[in-house]
Structures are given as C-alpha cells and as structure tokens.
Amino acid sequence: MSCSFFQNRECAFFPCHNEIPKEEFNCLFCYCPLYTLGERCGGDYTYLENGTKSCLACTFPHRKENYSAVLQHFPELAELAKKSHSK
C-alpha cells in the first residue's frame, strides 16, 4: 500500500503515544482501520471533548509497521482500505 505511513507533525497530539520514537510513529492510526471493527478492535480509545480520538490506552502501538499488519490480519479491512484509496 502506497500510503501506509504518515506523520502529521503539526498535530497538537503528535505523537499521541509518547513511548514511541517520533520517526516510528504512524499518524494513520488516527484513521485506524480497527475502529471499523467496533468491539473487535482490541484497542481502548476514547473521544476527547473536541471530537479527537485518543488512543493513549491502545493495545496495538502506533508504529509504522503495524498499520500493514492490521490490514493483513483483517482481510475485510484491507478491502476497505483499497476502496478508500481508489476514490
């Protein structure tokens, strides 16, 4: 996937997982495909008052290599990703 790594260094929350080195942090998890799985997500996220998702308690670190791993583990998400990138 051509856009499997993205950083928004202008974001006020970057990086929202403080224990991950900035060069390994993947902002695509702000649009994490796991959210579409509902309770199957496995993570623990909340919404802040301004509507921003907070993944500070996520059980799947937001490292750049994990985005592709998510798509490989859940074929239905890989299909959704393909559809969203073809628009």
N, C-alpha and C. Protein backbone atom coordinates (compact mmCIF):
# COMPACT_ATOMS: atom_id res chain seq x y z
N MET A 1 0.85 -1.17 0.00
CA MET A 1 0.00 0.00 0.00
C MET A 1 0.90 1.24 0.00
N SER A 2 0.60 2.14 -0.88
CA SER A 2 1.49 3.27 -1.08
C SER A 2 1.45 4.29 0.05
N CYS A 3 0.39 4.35 0.81
CA CYS A 3 0.31 5.36 1.88
C CYS A 3 0.16 4.71 3.25
N SER A 4 1.01 3.73 3.52
CA SER A 4 0.91 3.02 4.79
C SER A 4 1.69 3.69 5.92
N PHE A 5 2.24 4.88 5.67
CA PHE A 5 2.96 5.59 6.72
C PHE A 5 2.73 7.08 6.54
N PHE A 6 2.32 7.73 7.61
CA PHE A 6 2.00 9.15 7.53
C PHE A 6 2.25 9.78 8.89
N GLN A 7 2.85 10.95 8.89
CA GLN A 7 3.04 11.70 10.13
C GLN A 7 2.49 13.10 9.96
N ASN A 8 1.71 13.53 10.91
CA ASN A 8 1.23 14.91 10.94
C ASN A 8 1.91 15.60 12.12
N ARG A 9 3.08 16.12 11.89
CA ARG A 9 3.86 16.73 12.96
C ARG A 9 3.26 18.05 13.44
N GLU A 10 2.29 18.59 12.72
CA GLU A 10 1.61 19.81 13.14
C GLU A 10 0.50 19.52 14.15
N CYS A 11 0.13 18.26 14.27
CA CYS A 11 -0.95 17.87 15.19
C CYS A 11 -0.55 18.18 16.63
N ALA A 12 -1.46 18.74 17.37
CA ALA A 12 -1.18 19.09 18.77
C ALA A 12 -0.91 17.86 19.63
N PHE A 13 -1.32 16.69 19.17
CA PHE A 13 -1.16 15.46 19.94
C PHE A 13 0.01 14.61 19.45
N PHE A 14 0.73 15.07 18.43
CA PHE A 14 1.82 14.26 17.86
C PHE A 14 3.02 14.20 18.79
N PRO A 15 3.58 13.02 19.04
CA PRO A 15 2.92 11.72 18.84
C PRO A 15 2.04 11.40 20.04
N CYS A 16 0.89 10.85 19.81
CA CYS A 16 -0.04 10.61 20.93
C CYS A 16 0.38 9.40 21.76
N HIS A 17 1.29 8.59 21.27
CA HIS A 17 1.89 7.52 22.08
C HIS A 17 3.30 7.98 22.41
N ASN A 18 3.50 8.54 23.57
CA ASN A 18 4.79 9.16 23.91
C ASN A 18 5.95 8.18 23.97
N GLU A 19 5.69 6.90 24.19
CA GLU A 19 6.80 5.95 24.31
C GLU A 19 7.35 5.51 22.96
N ILE A 20 6.70 5.89 21.85
CA ILE A 20 7.17 5.51 20.52
C ILE A 20 8.02 6.62 19.93
N PRO A 21 9.21 6.30 19.46
CA PRO A 21 10.05 7.33 18.84
C PRO A 21 9.32 8.00 17.68
N LYS A 22 9.48 9.31 17.53
CA LYS A 22 8.75 10.05 16.50
C LYS A 22 8.98 9.49 15.11
N GLU A 23 10.18 9.03 14.82
CA GLU A 23 10.46 8.53 13.48
C GLU A 23 9.74 7.20 13.18
N GLU A 24 9.22 6.55 14.20
CA GLU A 24 8.49 5.29 14.02
C GLU A 24 6.98 5.47 14.16
N PHE A 25 6.53 6.66 14.48
CA PHE A 25 5.12 6.90 14.78
C PHE A 25 4.30 7.04 13.51
N ASN A 26 3.16 6.36 13.45
CA ASN A 26 2.30 6.39 12.27
C ASN A 26 0.98 7.08 12.58
N CYS A 27 0.77 8.26 12.01
CA CYS A 27 -0.47 9.00 12.24
C CYS A 27 -1.67 8.39 11.54
N LEU A 28 -1.46 7.41 10.67
CA LEU A 28 -2.61 6.78 10.03
C LEU A 28 -3.52 6.11 11.07
N PHE A 29 -2.99 5.84 12.24
CA PHE A 29 -3.84 5.27 13.27
C PHE A 29 -4.88 6.27 13.78
N CYS A 30 -4.73 7.54 13.46
CA CYS A 30 -5.81 8.49 13.75
C CYS A 30 -7.05 8.12 12.95
N TYR A 31 -6.79 7.44 11.85
CA TYR A 31 -7.86 6.94 10.98
C TYR A 31 -7.79 5.43 10.99
N CYS A 32 -7.48 4.88 12.14
CA CYS A 32 -7.19 3.46 12.31
C CYS A 32 -8.29 2.58 11.76
N PRO A 33 -7.95 1.62 10.90
CA PRO A 33 -8.97 0.72 10.37
C PRO A 33 -9.61 -0.14 11.44
N LEU A 34 -8.94 -0.28 12.58
CA LEU A 34 -9.52 -1.10 13.65
C LEU A 34 -10.81 -0.50 14.20
N TYR A 35 -11.00 0.81 14.08
CA TYR A 35 -12.23 1.42 14.59
C TYR A 35 -13.46 0.84 13.90
N THR A 36 -13.31 0.46 12.64
CA THR A 36 -14.45 -0.08 11.90
C THR A 36 -14.89 -1.44 12.43
N LEU A 37 -14.06 -2.06 13.25
CA LEU A 37 -14.38 -3.37 13.81
C LEU A 37 -15.19 -3.27 15.10
N GLY A 38 -15.42 -2.08 15.58
CA GLY A 38 -16.18 -1.92 16.82
C GLY A 38 -15.47 -2.59 17.98
N GLU A 39 -16.17 -3.44 18.70
CA GLU A 39 -15.59 -4.10 19.87
C GLU A 39 -14.47 -5.06 19.52
N ARG A 40 -14.42 -5.52 18.27
CA ARG A 40 -13.36 -6.43 17.83
C ARG A 40 -12.03 -5.70 17.67
N CYS A 41 -12.04 -4.38 17.78
CA CYS A 41 -10.84 -3.57 17.61
C CYS A 41 -9.70 -4.07 18.49
N GLY A 42 -9.97 -4.36 19.72
CA GLY A 42 -8.93 -4.80 20.64
C GLY A 42 -8.23 -3.65 21.33
N GLY A 43 -8.49 -2.44 20.88
CA GLY A 43 -7.87 -1.27 21.48
C GLY A 43 -8.77 -0.66 22.54
N ASP A 44 -8.30 0.38 23.12
CA ASP A 44 -9.06 1.09 24.13
C ASP A 44 -8.94 2.58 23.83
N TYR A 45 -9.89 3.11 23.09
CA TYR A 45 -9.84 4.51 22.69
C TYR A 45 -11.02 5.26 23.25
N THR A 46 -10.85 6.55 23.37
CA THR A 46 -11.93 7.42 23.83
C THR A 46 -11.97 8.64 22.91
N TYR A 47 -13.01 9.41 23.03
CA TYR A 47 -13.11 10.66 22.28
C TYR A 47 -12.94 11.82 23.25
N LEU A 48 -12.12 12.78 22.86
CA LEU A 48 -11.94 13.98 23.65
C LEU A 48 -13.11 14.92 23.39
N GLU A 49 -13.23 15.95 24.18
CA GLU A 49 -14.35 16.90 24.04
C GLU A 49 -14.42 17.52 22.65
N ASN A 50 -13.27 17.71 22.01
CA ASN A 50 -13.26 18.33 20.68
C ASN A 50 -13.51 17.33 19.55
N GLY A 51 -13.79 16.07 19.91
CA GLY A 51 -14.08 15.05 18.91
C GLY A 51 -12.87 14.27 18.44
N THR A 52 -11.67 14.64 18.90
CA THR A 52 -10.46 13.93 18.54
C THR A 52 -10.41 12.58 19.25
N LYS A 53 -9.99 11.56 18.52
CA LYS A 53 -9.84 10.24 19.14
C LYS A 53 -8.56 10.21 19.95
N SER A 54 -8.63 9.65 21.14
CA SER A 54 -7.45 9.47 21.97
C SER A 54 -7.16 7.98 22.08
N CYS A 55 -6.00 7.59 21.60
CA CYS A 55 -5.61 6.18 21.62
C CYS A 55 -4.52 5.90 22.64
N LEU A 56 -4.45 6.73 23.66
CA LEU A 56 -3.38 6.58 24.63
C LEU A 56 -3.37 5.21 25.31
N ALA A 57 -4.53 4.57 25.40
CA ALA A 57 -4.59 3.25 26.03
C ALA A 57 -4.66 2.12 25.01
N CYS A 58 -4.34 2.42 23.75
CA CYS A 58 -4.42 1.40 22.69
C CYS A 58 -3.49 0.24 23.01
N THR A 59 -3.96 -0.97 22.74
CA THR A 59 -3.15 -2.15 22.99
C THR A 59 -2.28 -2.52 21.79
N PHE A 60 -2.40 -1.78 20.68
CA PHE A 60 -1.61 -2.05 19.48
C PHE A 60 -0.84 -0.79 19.13
N PRO A 61 0.44 -0.69 19.53
CA PRO A 61 1.20 0.54 19.36
C PRO A 61 1.15 1.09 17.94
N HIS A 62 1.18 2.39 17.83
CA HIS A 62 1.04 3.06 16.56
C HIS A 62 2.37 3.16 15.81
N ARG A 63 3.09 2.07 15.76
CA ARG A 63 4.34 2.04 15.00
C ARG A 63 4.02 1.90 13.52
N LYS A 64 4.89 2.45 12.68
CA LYS A 64 4.60 2.48 11.25
C LYS A 64 4.39 1.09 10.66
N GLU A 65 5.09 0.08 11.15
CA GLU A 65 4.95 -1.26 10.58
C GLU A 65 3.65 -1.95 10.98
N ASN A 66 2.99 -1.45 12.00
CA ASN A 66 1.77 -2.11 12.47
C ASN A 66 0.55 -1.84 11.61
N TYR A 67 0.54 -0.76 10.84
CA TYR A 67 -0.62 -0.46 10.01
C TYR A 67 -0.83 -1.55 8.98
N SER A 68 0.24 -1.95 8.30
CA SER A 68 0.14 -3.03 7.33
C SER A 68 -0.22 -4.34 8.01
N ALA A 69 0.28 -4.55 9.23
CA ALA A 69 -0.03 -5.78 9.96
C ALA A 69 -1.52 -5.87 10.26
N VAL A 70 -2.13 -4.73 10.57
CA VAL A 70 -3.56 -4.70 10.82
C VAL A 70 -4.31 -5.13 9.57
N LEU A 71 -3.93 -4.58 8.44
CA LEU A 71 -4.62 -4.89 7.19
C LEU A 71 -4.42 -6.35 6.79
N GLN A 72 -3.27 -6.92 7.10
CA GLN A 72 -3.01 -8.32 6.79
C GLN A 72 -3.82 -9.25 7.68
N HIS A 73 -4.01 -8.85 8.93
CA HIS A 73 -4.71 -9.70 9.89
C HIS A 73 -6.23 -9.71 9.66
N PHE A 74 -6.75 -8.61 9.14
CA PHE A 74 -8.19 -8.50 8.90
C PHE A 74 -8.44 -8.22 7.42
N PRO A 75 -8.67 -9.28 6.62
CA PRO A 75 -8.87 -9.10 5.18
C PRO A 75 -9.98 -8.11 4.83
N GLU A 76 -11.03 -8.05 5.65
CA GLU A 76 -12.13 -7.13 5.35
C GLU A 76 -11.68 -5.67 5.46
N LEU A 77 -10.70 -5.40 6.31
CA LEU A 77 -10.17 -4.05 6.43
C LEU A 77 -9.26 -3.71 5.26
N ALA A 78 -8.51 -4.69 4.79
CA ALA A 78 -7.65 -4.46 3.63
C ALA A 78 -8.52 -4.09 2.43
N GLU A 79 -9.65 -4.74 2.31
CA GLU A 79 -10.57 -4.44 1.21
C GLU A 79 -11.13 -3.02 1.35
N LEU A 80 -11.50 -2.63 2.57
CA LEU A 80 -11.96 -1.26 2.80
C LEU A 80 -10.88 -0.24 2.47
N ALA A 81 -9.64 -0.54 2.83
CA ALA A 81 -8.53 0.37 2.56
C ALA A 81 -8.35 0.55 1.06
N LYS A 82 -8.44 -0.56 0.32
CA LYS A 82 -8.31 -0.48 -1.13
C LYS A 82 -9.39 0.42 -1.72
N LYS A 83 -10.62 0.25 -1.24
CA LYS A 83 -11.73 1.05 -1.76
C LYS A 83 -11.53 2.53 -1.44
N SER A 84 -11.09 2.84 -0.25
CA SER A 84 -10.92 4.24 0.13
C SER A 84 -9.77 4.91 -0.63
N HIS A 85 -8.75 4.13 -1.01
CA HIS A 85 -7.62 4.70 -1.75
C HIS A 85 -7.92 4.85 -3.22
N SER A 86 -8.93 4.14 -3.72
CA SER A 86 -9.24 4.21 -5.15
C SER A 86 -10.18 5.37 -5.45
N LYS A 87 -10.68 6.07 -4.43
CA LYS A 87 -11.60 7.19 -4.65
C LYS A 87 -10.88 8.42 -5.11
